[in-house]
Amino acid sequence: MTVMKIAGAQLGAIQKADSRESVVKRMIALLDEAATKGANLVVYPELALTTFFPRWYMENQAEIDFWFETEMPNSATQPLFDHARDLNIAITFGYAEKTPDGHYYNTSIITDRHANIVGKYRKIHLPGHSEYDTQRAFQHLEKRYFEPGDLGFNVWRNEGVVMGMAICNDRRWPETFRCMGLQGVELVAIGYNTPSVNAQMSDEGLDKRLFHSQLSLQAGAYQNATYVVGVAKAGVEDGHPLMGGSIIVDPDGFILAKAMTEEDELIIAECDFAKCDFGKKTIFDFERHRRIEHYGRITSQTGAIVEV
């Protein structure tokens, strides 16, 4: 089994006026720090290159398209790929993707240590809404700007480890982790941009929101005997606060490293993937213990149906 040092590269706020090039410089600075600490893989957040633009209501398609990447790498991100290759570090980060045939996705990619893209994931569980909502304290228009991902929950053997990806709201759905767990996943990388305030329940409190984020990541790790790295974009973006709370979780659900700020911050942990083996062969030995004859409702039904 492989031992790797995994780094979570939390990003602080990115303002609407910040260029992609300025953000990439910050990402490279975190990459350099990770290199000094011996990291083999660096995990960056969701929509790492720009502000969290789904908070803005837009009707002009050209204005919307500004936030999307039509190729990866591109001129703005090529320096990040080049530097990662020079440092012999794999990376994963999220961005808004516009495909050649005109589809729009919230996407994440992962590379090997030679900067080759080995995997791509498109966000499946899109939160929020699609039209301007006067009842919300602020907008969360992911359903307006993105289509649900079409690639499924895949895994890739990368640098000797079975790796998968998810994005933000995906972490709250146990199906996300189980689909990858059934493929023997050993590391799940998840970037997120999560508002510090609930747009529909402003008095919910940051502590509760952080608790739910950590609970989801820890449960996914434990229930599938996998490492999980959850990395935030945090801080106040154009007056809108995003929470931090980036963590690295081991296969028993314990937190190995945790960000303490809402700024650019690196967290790192040594991950011994042999530790995934015990859970996968005992309590979560799926082949011995799962009872799929009773799980049909999960894939045949969406909303809850009360029949009693």
Protein backbone atom coordinates (compact mmCIF):
# COMPACT_ATOMS: atom_id res chain seq x y z
CA MET A 1 0.00 0.00 0.00
CA THR A 2 1.01 3.61 -0.64
CA VAL A 3 1.81 6.34 1.86
CA MET A 4 1.28 9.90 0.63
CA LYS A 5 1.36 13.36 2.12
CA ILE A 6 -1.90 15.06 1.15
CA ALA A 7 -2.32 18.83 1.41
CA GLY A 8 -5.52 20.81 1.46
CA ALA A 9 -4.98 24.26 -0.06
CA GLN A 10 -7.76 26.41 1.35
CA LEU A 11 -8.25 29.68 -0.51
CA GLY A 12 -9.41 32.88 1.10
CA ALA A 13 -11.87 35.21 -0.56
CA ILE A 14 -11.71 35.88 -4.29
CA GLN A 15 -13.38 39.14 -5.22
CA LYS A 16 -15.48 39.65 -8.34
CA ALA A 17 -12.78 41.93 -9.78
CA ASP A 18 -9.88 39.51 -9.14
CA SER A 19 -8.32 38.05 -12.28
CA ARG A 20 -7.74 34.35 -12.79
CA GLU A 21 -4.02 35.09 -13.11
CA SER A 22 -3.94 36.64 -9.63
CA VAL A 23 -5.71 33.62 -8.16
CA VAL A 24 -3.32 31.21 -9.88
CA LYS A 25 -0.40 33.06 -8.27
CA ARG A 26 -1.98 32.40 -4.88
CA MET A 27 -2.50 28.75 -5.77
CA ILE A 28 1.15 28.47 -6.81
CA ALA A 29 2.26 30.02 -3.50
CA LEU A 30 0.32 27.32 -1.64
CA LEU A 31 1.81 24.71 -3.97
CA ASP A 32 5.31 25.93 -3.07
CA GLU A 33 4.48 25.68 0.63
CA ALA A 34 3.16 22.17 0.10
CA ALA A 35 6.38 21.20 -1.67
CA THR A 36 8.48 22.34 1.31
CA LYS A 37 6.38 20.02 3.50
CA GLY A 38 6.77 17.03 1.22
CA ALA A 39 3.24 16.91 -0.22
CA ASN A 40 2.49 14.51 -3.06
CA LEU A 41 -1.02 15.81 -3.79
CA VAL A 42 -2.61 19.24 -3.28
CA VAL A 43 -6.40 19.61 -3.13
CA TYR A 44 -7.86 23.04 -4.00
CA PRO A 45 -11.50 24.19 -3.62
CA GLU A 46 -14.54 24.21 -5.85
CA LEU A 47 -14.63 27.06 -8.41
CA ALA A 48 -11.07 27.82 -7.38
CA LEU A 49 -10.32 30.33 -10.15
CA THR A 50 -13.07 32.89 -9.53
CA THR A 51 -15.45 34.32 -7.00
CA PHE A 52 -18.53 32.22 -6.26
CA PHE A 53 -20.44 33.79 -9.15
CA PRO A 54 -23.76 31.88 -8.67
CA ARG A 55 -24.61 34.45 -6.00
CA TRP A 56 -25.13 36.98 -8.82
CA TYR A 57 -28.30 37.00 -10.93
CA MET A 58 -27.34 37.36 -14.60
CA GLU A 59 -29.40 37.25 -17.80
CA ASN A 60 -26.79 38.22 -20.39
CA GLN A 61 -25.17 35.05 -21.75
CA ALA A 62 -21.87 36.77 -22.51
CA GLU A 63 -21.71 37.92 -18.89
CA ILE A 64 -22.37 34.37 -17.72
CA ASP A 65 -19.83 32.86 -20.11
CA PHE A 66 -17.09 35.07 -18.67
CA TRP A 67 -16.96 32.82 -15.60
CA PHE A 68 -16.55 29.57 -17.56
CA GLU A 69 -13.43 27.85 -18.91
CA THR A 70 -13.60 26.38 -22.41
CA GLU A 71 -10.38 24.39 -22.06
CA MET A 72 -8.17 23.10 -19.27
CA PRO A 73 -5.38 23.91 -18.95
CA ASN A 74 -5.65 27.33 -20.53
CA SER A 75 -3.44 30.40 -20.63
CA ALA A 76 -4.36 31.44 -17.10
CA THR A 77 -3.89 28.02 -15.51
CA GLN A 78 -0.96 26.68 -17.53
CA PRO A 79 1.56 28.15 -15.02
CA LEU A 80 -0.10 26.11 -12.24
CA PHE A 81 0.15 22.90 -14.27
CA ASP A 82 3.76 23.66 -15.22
CA HIS A 83 4.75 24.40 -11.63
CA ALA A 84 3.04 21.30 -10.28
CA ARG A 85 4.90 19.20 -12.85
CA ASP A 86 8.21 20.85 -11.93
CA LEU A 87 7.56 20.13 -8.25
CA ASN A 88 6.35 16.57 -9.00
CA ILE A 89 3.04 17.17 -7.19
CA ALA A 90 -0.41 16.02 -8.28
CA ILE A 91 -3.23 18.57 -8.01
CA THR A 92 -7.02 18.67 -8.05
CA PHE A 93 -9.18 21.78 -8.31
CA GLY A 94 -12.62 22.92 -9.38
CA TYR A 95 -13.74 25.34 -12.08
CA ALA A 96 -16.76 26.27 -14.20
CA GLU A 97 -16.65 24.35 -17.48
CA LYS A 98 -18.29 25.20 -20.81
CA THR A 99 -18.03 22.25 -23.19
CA PRO A 100 -17.42 22.54 -26.94
CA ASP A 101 -21.05 21.59 -27.58
CA GLY A 102 -22.39 24.26 -25.23
CA HIS A 103 -23.02 22.50 -21.93
CA TYR A 104 -22.25 24.14 -18.58
CA TYR A 105 -20.92 22.20 -15.59
CA ASN A 106 -19.41 22.73 -12.16
CA THR A 107 -16.32 20.61 -12.72
CA SER A 108 -13.25 19.26 -10.95
CA ILE A 109 -10.16 17.62 -12.41
CA ILE A 110 -7.29 15.64 -10.92
CA THR A 111 -3.78 15.24 -12.32
CA ASP A 112 -0.88 12.91 -11.79
CA ARG A 113 2.51 14.24 -10.70
CA HIS A 114 3.43 14.94 -14.32
CA ALA A 115 0.50 17.38 -14.68
CA ASN A 116 -1.50 15.02 -16.88
CA ILE A 117 -5.25 15.18 -16.26
CA VAL A 118 -6.25 11.66 -15.27
CA GLY A 119 -9.81 12.26 -14.06
CA LYS A 120 -12.73 14.66 -14.42
CA TYR A 121 -15.89 14.97 -12.32
CA ARG A 122 -18.96 17.16 -12.87
CA LYS A 123 -21.05 18.14 -9.86
CA ILE A 124 -24.23 16.09 -9.60
CA HIS A 125 -26.09 17.41 -6.53
CA LEU A 126 -26.72 21.05 -7.49
CA PRO A 127 -28.22 23.09 -4.64
CA GLY A 128 -30.05 26.38 -4.82
CA HIS A 129 -32.54 27.60 -7.40
CA SER A 130 -32.80 28.81 -11.00
CA GLU A 131 -34.73 32.11 -10.84
CA TYR A 132 -34.38 35.23 -8.72
CA ASP A 133 -35.90 34.57 -5.30
CA THR A 134 -37.11 37.61 -3.37
CA GLN A 135 -37.54 35.50 -0.21
CA ARG A 136 -33.82 34.76 0.11
CA ALA A 137 -31.27 36.94 1.89
CA PHE A 138 -28.99 36.37 -1.10
CA GLN A 139 -29.13 34.28 -4.26
CA HIS A 140 -27.72 30.78 -4.80
CA LEU A 141 -28.26 30.21 -8.51
CA GLU A 142 -26.32 27.04 -9.26
CA LYS A 143 -29.38 25.50 -10.90
CA ARG A 144 -29.49 28.50 -13.24
CA TYR A 145 -25.88 28.36 -14.43
CA PHE A 146 -25.01 24.65 -14.26
CA GLU A 147 -26.43 21.39 -15.52
CA PRO A 148 -26.31 18.28 -13.28
CA GLY A 149 -23.12 16.35 -13.93
CA ASP A 150 -23.22 13.64 -16.57
CA LEU A 151 -20.11 11.61 -15.74
CA GLY A 152 -21.24 9.78 -12.62
CA PHE A 153 -19.11 9.06 -9.54
CA ASN A 154 -15.97 7.49 -10.95
CA VAL A 155 -12.60 6.61 -9.47
CA TRP A 156 -9.11 6.51 -10.93
CA ARG A 157 -5.94 4.75 -9.87
CA ASN A 158 -3.60 7.71 -9.57
CA GLU A 159 -0.12 7.55 -8.05
CA GLY A 160 -0.93 4.09 -6.70
CA VAL A 161 -4.12 5.20 -4.92
CA VAL A 162 -7.78 4.73 -5.90
CA MET A 163 -9.01 8.34 -5.98
CA GLY A 164 -12.40 9.94 -6.52
CA MET A 165 -13.82 13.44 -6.50
CA ALA A 166 -16.99 15.23 -5.45
CA ILE A 167 -17.96 18.88 -5.14
CA CYS A 168 -19.53 20.85 -2.28
CA ASN A 169 -23.17 19.80 -1.83
CA ASP A 170 -22.28 16.27 -2.98
CA ARG A 171 -20.65 15.77 0.43
CA ARG A 172 -24.04 15.86 2.13
CA TRP A 173 -25.39 12.87 0.20
CA PRO A 174 -24.31 9.39 1.34
CA GLU A 175 -24.88 8.04 -2.18
CA THR A 176 -21.88 10.10 -3.31
CA PHE A 177 -19.46 8.22 -1.09
CA ARG A 178 -21.13 4.84 -1.46
CA CYS A 179 -20.90 4.89 -5.27
CA MET A 180 -17.15 5.42 -4.96
CA GLY A 181 -16.86 3.07 -2.00
CA LEU A 182 -18.27 0.29 -4.17
CA GLN A 183 -15.31 0.89 -6.49
CA GLY A 184 -12.79 0.54 -3.66
CA VAL A 185 -12.08 4.25 -3.25
CA GLU A 186 -9.22 5.14 -0.89
CA LEU A 187 -9.22 8.94 -1.21
CA VAL A 188 -12.08 11.33 -1.97
CA ALA A 189 -11.16 14.95 -2.75
CA ILE A 190 -13.95 17.47 -2.24
CA GLY A 191 -13.79 21.21 -2.81
CA TYR A 192 -16.56 23.51 -1.59
CA ASN A 193 -17.80 27.13 -1.48
CA THR A 194 -20.32 27.20 1.36
CA PRO A 195 -21.94 30.44 2.56
CA SER A 196 -21.44 31.16 6.26
CA VAL A 197 -25.10 32.21 6.43
CA ASN A 198 -28.08 30.13 5.32
CA ALA A 199 -29.99 32.24 2.75
CA GLN A 200 -33.29 30.75 3.96
CA MET A 201 -32.53 30.58 7.71
CA SER A 202 -30.21 33.44 8.63
CA ASP A 203 -30.21 32.63 12.35
CA GLU A 204 -28.93 29.07 11.80
CA GLY A 205 -25.42 29.97 13.00
CA LEU A 206 -21.95 29.23 11.66
CA ASP A 207 -21.22 26.56 14.28
CA LYS A 208 -24.11 24.44 13.03
CA ARG A 209 -23.06 24.85 9.40
CA LEU A 210 -19.47 23.85 10.16
CA PHE A 211 -20.73 20.89 12.19
CA HIS A 212 -22.86 19.61 9.33
CA SER A 213 -19.96 19.94 6.89
CA GLN A 214 -17.59 18.02 9.14
CA LEU A 215 -20.25 15.43 10.01
CA SER A 216 -20.84 14.70 6.32
CA LEU A 217 -17.14 14.36 5.52
CA GLN A 218 -16.37 12.23 8.57
CA ALA A 219 -19.36 9.94 8.00
CA GLY A 220 -18.45 9.46 4.33
CA ALA A 221 -14.90 8.55 5.29
CA TYR A 222 -15.85 6.11 8.04
CA GLN A 223 -18.72 4.41 6.21
CA ASN A 224 -16.53 3.70 3.18
CA ALA A 225 -13.15 3.23 4.92
CA THR A 226 -11.53 5.99 2.89
CA TYR A 227 -9.56 9.15 3.41
CA VAL A 228 -11.54 12.31 2.64
CA VAL A 229 -10.10 15.76 2.02
CA GLY A 230 -12.60 18.64 2.15
CA VAL A 231 -11.23 22.03 1.13
CA ALA A 232 -13.01 25.39 1.28
CA LYS A 233 -12.89 28.68 -0.46
CA ALA A 234 -13.56 30.97 2.48
CA GLY A 235 -13.69 34.57 3.60
CA VAL A 236 -15.82 37.54 2.59
CA GLU A 237 -16.32 37.77 -1.17
CA ASP A 238 -17.83 41.12 -2.19
CA GLY A 239 -19.69 41.30 1.11
CA HIS A 240 -20.78 37.66 1.14
CA PRO A 241 -19.04 35.41 3.72
CA LEU A 242 -17.99 31.86 2.90
CA MET A 243 -17.08 29.47 5.71
CA GLY A 244 -13.77 27.67 6.05
CA GLY A 245 -13.41 24.46 8.03
CA SER A 246 -11.18 22.58 5.60
CA ILE A 247 -10.28 19.14 6.99
CA ILE A 248 -8.48 15.91 6.20
CA VAL A 249 -10.25 12.82 7.58
CA ASP A 250 -8.86 9.31 8.01
CA PRO A 251 -10.70 6.03 7.21
CA ASP A 252 -11.94 5.79 10.81
CA GLY A 253 -13.59 9.21 10.54
CA PHE A 254 -11.04 11.06 12.66
CA ILE A 255 -9.85 14.54 11.65
CA LEU A 256 -6.10 14.56 10.94
CA ALA A 257 -5.74 18.22 10.00
CA LYS A 258 -8.02 21.26 10.16
CA ALA A 259 -7.78 24.83 8.88
CA MET A 260 -7.91 27.50 11.56
CA THR A 261 -8.57 30.59 9.41
CA GLU A 262 -10.69 31.77 6.51
CA GLU A 263 -7.62 32.85 4.54
CA ASP A 264 -5.25 31.11 2.15
CA GLU A 265 -4.05 28.27 4.38
CA LEU A 266 -2.37 24.91 3.86
CA ILE A 267 -3.23 21.85 5.90
CA ILE A 268 -1.35 18.59 5.49
CA ALA A 269 -1.44 15.01 6.73
CA GLU A 270 0.43 11.81 6.06
CA CYS A 271 -2.02 9.25 4.71
CA ASP A 272 -1.17 5.54 4.95
CA PHE A 273 -3.62 3.89 2.60
CA ALA A 274 -3.07 0.50 4.23
CA LYS A 275 -5.37 1.89 6.93
CA CYS A 276 -8.29 1.67 4.50
CA ASP A 277 -7.96 -2.10 4.43
CA PHE A 278 -9.35 -3.00 7.85
CA GLY A 279 -12.70 -1.27 7.44
CA LYS A 280 -13.12 -2.58 3.90
CA LYS A 281 -12.60 -6.17 5.11
CA THR A 282 -14.68 -6.04 8.31
CA ILE A 283 -17.68 -3.85 9.13
CA PHE A 284 -17.81 -2.38 5.60
CA ASP A 285 -17.05 -5.53 3.67
CA PHE A 286 -19.74 -4.75 1.13
CA GLU A 287 -19.66 -8.14 -0.58
CA ARG A 288 -20.51 -9.94 2.66
CA HIS A 289 -22.85 -7.48 4.30
CA ARG A 290 -24.81 -5.40 1.78
CA ARG A 291 -28.41 -6.42 1.05
CA ILE A 292 -29.23 -4.82 -2.26
CA GLU A 293 -32.55 -6.65 -2.54
CA HIS A 294 -33.86 -4.12 -0.01
CA TYR A 295 -32.31 -0.98 -1.51
CA GLY A 296 -34.42 -0.61 -4.66
CA ARG A 297 -36.26 2.44 -3.34
CA ILE A 298 -32.99 4.41 -3.37
CA THR A 299 -32.70 4.35 -7.15
CA SER A 300 -36.38 4.10 -8.10
CA GLN A 301 -37.67 7.11 -6.16
CA THR A 302 -36.59 10.73 -5.60
CA GLY A 303 -38.91 12.55 -3.18
CA ALA A 304 -40.16 11.01 0.04
CA ILE A 305 -43.52 9.23 -0.21
CA VAL A 306 -45.43 8.73 3.05
CA GLU A 307 -47.47 5.54 2.75
CA VAL A 308 -48.54 5.08 6.37
